[in-house]
Amino acid sequence: MEIVSLVDVENASQEVKEAVKKHLEDGHTITNEKRTLLHNVPAFWALEGKSYEMSRELKRFISPRAANLFEYAISVENDCLVCTTYYKRYMESIGVDINNVDYTPEEELVIEYAQAIVRDRKNIPQDLFNRLKEKIGEEGLVVLTTMGMFMIANNYFNDILHVKSEFLE
């Protein structure tokens, strides 16, 4: 059972309605995680708005598919059912069978990093850092790591507050 109720957007404050309107106009959907975050609009923008901004930034350094697989891999490694089902559905919508993926070398590299930062953030192999810097540079590594931290924050938010996946209801 969820810890915090889902915001009823239609009966919410004007501030919430405006945030939802802008988010939808930007091409995003309103998920159960977002309806939970909408109890506080600054919290919503901090986690969701900045997360989407970092995701766009990440796509300057790696392919969109690699970026989505990176975010999915973090969620799988963290065992976050909400984000895992969200990304699995998203990947299916773009024609990727997540159970049968022919990964590119770039995708394998960022998935390896995703798994490493979740498993043991203090002991990531130097060789992995070297390969990432060779592929995406230091700025790209900063962006990739920042996006990873946003995904971990999303995973933790959902798990701590027992947010239910709208795909499993």
Protein backbone atom coordinates (compact mmCIF):
# COMPACT_ATOMS: atom_id res chain seq x y z
CA MET A 1 0.00 0.00 0.00
CA GLU A 2 1.35 3.42 -0.96
CA ILE A 3 2.52 5.66 1.87
CA VAL A 4 1.43 8.92 0.20
CA SER A 5 -1.77 9.24 -1.81
CA LEU A 6 -1.80 10.10 -5.49
CA VAL A 7 -2.72 13.70 -6.23
CA ASP A 8 -6.08 14.04 -7.96
CA VAL A 9 -4.91 16.39 -10.70
CA GLU A 10 -8.40 17.52 -11.68
CA ASN A 11 -9.16 18.68 -8.13
CA ALA A 12 -5.67 19.94 -7.33
CA SER A 13 -4.49 23.50 -6.74
CA GLN A 14 -3.91 25.84 -9.64
CA GLU A 15 -0.15 25.52 -9.07
CA VAL A 16 -0.35 21.74 -9.53
CA LYS A 17 -2.58 22.06 -12.60
CA GLU A 18 -0.11 24.50 -14.17
CA ALA A 19 2.82 22.17 -13.47
CA VAL A 20 0.94 19.26 -15.01
CA LYS A 21 -0.07 21.33 -18.04
CA LYS A 22 3.53 22.38 -18.68
CA HIS A 23 4.81 18.83 -18.19
CA LEU A 24 2.25 17.47 -20.67
CA GLU A 25 3.00 20.28 -23.15
CA ASP A 26 6.66 19.25 -22.97
CA GLY A 27 5.59 15.82 -24.23
CA HIS A 28 5.70 13.89 -20.97
CA THR A 29 3.08 11.80 -19.23
CA ILE A 30 1.78 11.93 -15.69
CA THR A 31 2.69 8.71 -13.91
CA ASN A 32 1.92 7.56 -10.38
CA GLU A 33 5.38 8.70 -9.30
CA LYS A 34 4.64 12.18 -10.62
CA ARG A 35 1.19 12.22 -9.03
CA THR A 36 2.90 11.45 -5.73
CA LEU A 37 5.56 14.13 -6.23
CA LEU A 38 2.87 16.68 -7.09
CA HIS A 39 2.02 16.98 -3.39
CA ASN A 40 4.78 19.60 -3.62
CA VAL A 41 5.43 21.33 -6.93
CA PRO A 42 9.08 22.29 -6.18
CA ALA A 43 9.76 18.62 -5.31
CA PHE A 44 8.12 17.61 -8.60
CA TRP A 45 10.29 20.01 -10.61
CA ALA A 46 13.44 19.11 -8.66
CA LEU A 47 13.18 15.41 -9.38
CA GLU A 48 11.21 15.27 -12.61
CA GLY A 49 12.10 18.52 -14.34
CA LYS A 50 15.81 18.24 -13.70
CA SER A 51 15.78 14.53 -14.50
CA TYR A 52 14.34 15.22 -17.95
CA GLU A 53 16.81 18.06 -18.46
CA MET A 54 19.71 15.73 -17.64
CA SER A 55 18.29 13.02 -19.88
CA ARG A 56 18.27 15.48 -22.81
CA GLU A 57 21.80 16.54 -21.94
CA LEU A 58 22.96 12.92 -21.80
CA LYS A 59 21.77 12.39 -25.37
CA ARG A 60 24.47 14.84 -26.48
CA PHE A 61 27.03 12.22 -25.45
CA ILE A 62 25.38 8.86 -26.09
CA SER A 63 22.58 7.61 -28.29
CA PRO A 64 18.99 7.95 -27.06
CA ARG A 65 18.66 4.16 -26.93
CA ALA A 66 21.86 3.85 -24.88
CA ALA A 67 20.58 6.55 -22.52
CA ASN A 68 17.30 4.70 -21.98
CA LEU A 69 19.08 1.37 -21.52
CA PHE A 70 21.39 3.03 -18.96
CA GLU A 71 18.38 4.30 -16.99
CA TYR A 72 16.66 0.93 -17.28
CA ALA A 73 19.80 -0.90 -16.11
CA ILE A 74 20.01 1.27 -12.99
CA SER A 75 16.38 0.51 -12.17
CA VAL A 76 16.88 -3.22 -12.70
CA GLU A 77 20.02 -3.24 -10.56
CA ASN A 78 18.17 -1.27 -7.84
CA ASP A 79 15.18 -3.62 -8.13
CA CYS A 80 12.79 -0.69 -8.57
CA LEU A 81 9.61 -2.18 -9.97
CA VAL A 82 8.06 1.19 -10.91
CA CYS A 83 10.99 2.41 -13.02
CA THR A 84 11.80 -1.03 -14.40
CA THR A 85 8.26 -1.50 -15.70
CA TYR A 86 8.17 2.07 -17.01
CA TYR A 87 11.38 1.64 -19.02
CA LYS A 88 10.44 -1.85 -20.18
CA ARG A 89 7.16 -0.47 -21.57
CA TYR A 90 8.95 2.49 -23.10
CA MET A 91 11.54 0.26 -24.81
CA GLU A 92 8.73 -1.94 -26.17
CA SER A 93 7.02 1.18 -27.54
CA ILE A 94 10.10 1.97 -29.63
CA GLY A 95 10.44 -1.62 -30.85
CA VAL A 96 13.06 -2.95 -28.42
CA ASP A 97 12.42 -6.34 -26.82
CA ILE A 98 14.24 -5.82 -23.54
CA ASN A 99 14.61 -9.60 -23.12
CA ASN A 100 16.33 -9.98 -26.48
CA VAL A 101 18.57 -6.98 -27.12
CA ASP A 102 21.58 -6.95 -29.40
CA TYR A 103 23.58 -4.35 -27.48
CA THR A 104 26.02 -2.01 -29.18
CA PRO A 105 29.46 -1.54 -27.58
CA GLU A 106 28.29 1.89 -26.34
CA GLU A 107 25.22 0.34 -24.71
CA GLU A 108 27.29 -2.41 -23.09
CA LEU A 109 29.64 0.22 -21.67
CA VAL A 110 26.96 2.39 -20.11
CA ILE A 111 25.07 -0.65 -18.77
CA GLU A 112 28.29 -1.85 -17.14
CA TYR A 113 28.62 1.60 -15.53
CA ALA A 114 24.97 1.57 -14.41
CA GLN A 115 25.49 -1.77 -12.69
CA ALA A 116 28.76 -0.62 -11.12
CA ILE A 117 27.40 2.58 -9.61
CA VAL A 118 24.48 0.74 -8.02
CA ARG A 119 26.50 -2.25 -6.78
CA ASP A 120 29.48 -0.45 -5.26
CA ARG A 121 29.66 3.27 -5.93
CA LYS A 122 32.92 3.65 -4.00
CA ASN A 123 34.83 0.99 -5.93
CA ILE A 124 34.19 1.49 -9.62
CA PRO A 125 37.09 0.05 -11.60
CA GLN A 126 39.51 2.63 -12.97
CA ASP A 127 39.48 0.78 -16.28
CA LEU A 128 35.74 1.44 -16.58
CA PHE A 129 36.27 5.15 -15.92
CA ASN A 130 39.06 5.18 -18.52
CA ARG A 131 36.86 3.53 -21.16
CA LEU A 132 34.01 5.93 -20.44
CA LYS A 133 36.27 8.99 -20.64
CA GLU A 134 37.70 7.71 -23.91
CA LYS A 135 34.18 7.31 -25.31
CA ILE A 136 32.36 10.38 -23.92
CA GLY A 137 35.03 12.56 -22.30
CA GLU A 138 35.08 14.01 -18.82
CA GLU A 139 32.04 16.22 -19.38
CA GLY A 140 30.09 13.23 -20.68
CA LEU A 141 31.11 11.20 -17.64
CA VAL A 142 29.84 13.97 -15.35
CA VAL A 143 26.52 14.07 -17.23
CA LEU A 144 26.19 10.27 -17.27
CA THR A 145 26.89 10.08 -13.54
CA THR A 146 24.45 12.90 -12.79
CA MET A 147 21.72 11.16 -14.79
CA GLY A 148 22.52 7.98 -12.89
CA MET A 149 22.03 9.79 -9.60
CA PHE A 150 18.65 11.09 -10.77
CA MET A 151 17.61 7.54 -11.66
CA ILE A 152 18.73 6.27 -8.28
CA ALA A 153 16.76 9.10 -6.64
CA ASN A 154 13.66 8.13 -8.67
CA ASN A 155 14.13 4.49 -7.70
CA TYR A 156 14.49 5.32 -4.01
CA PHE A 157 11.54 7.74 -4.04
CA ASN A 158 9.26 5.07 -5.52
CA ASP A 159 10.48 2.32 -3.23
CA ILE A 160 10.47 4.35 -0.01
CA LEU A 161 6.94 5.66 -0.54
CA HIS A 162 5.66 2.37 -2.02
CA VAL A 163 4.52 4.04 -5.24
CA LYS A 164 2.62 1.56 -7.38
CA SER A 165 3.36 1.16 -11.05
CA GLU A 166 0.41 2.20 -13.19
CA PHE A 167 1.40 -0.62 -15.53
CA LEU A 168 0.74 -3.29 -12.89
CA GLU A 169 -2.62 -2.08 -11.58
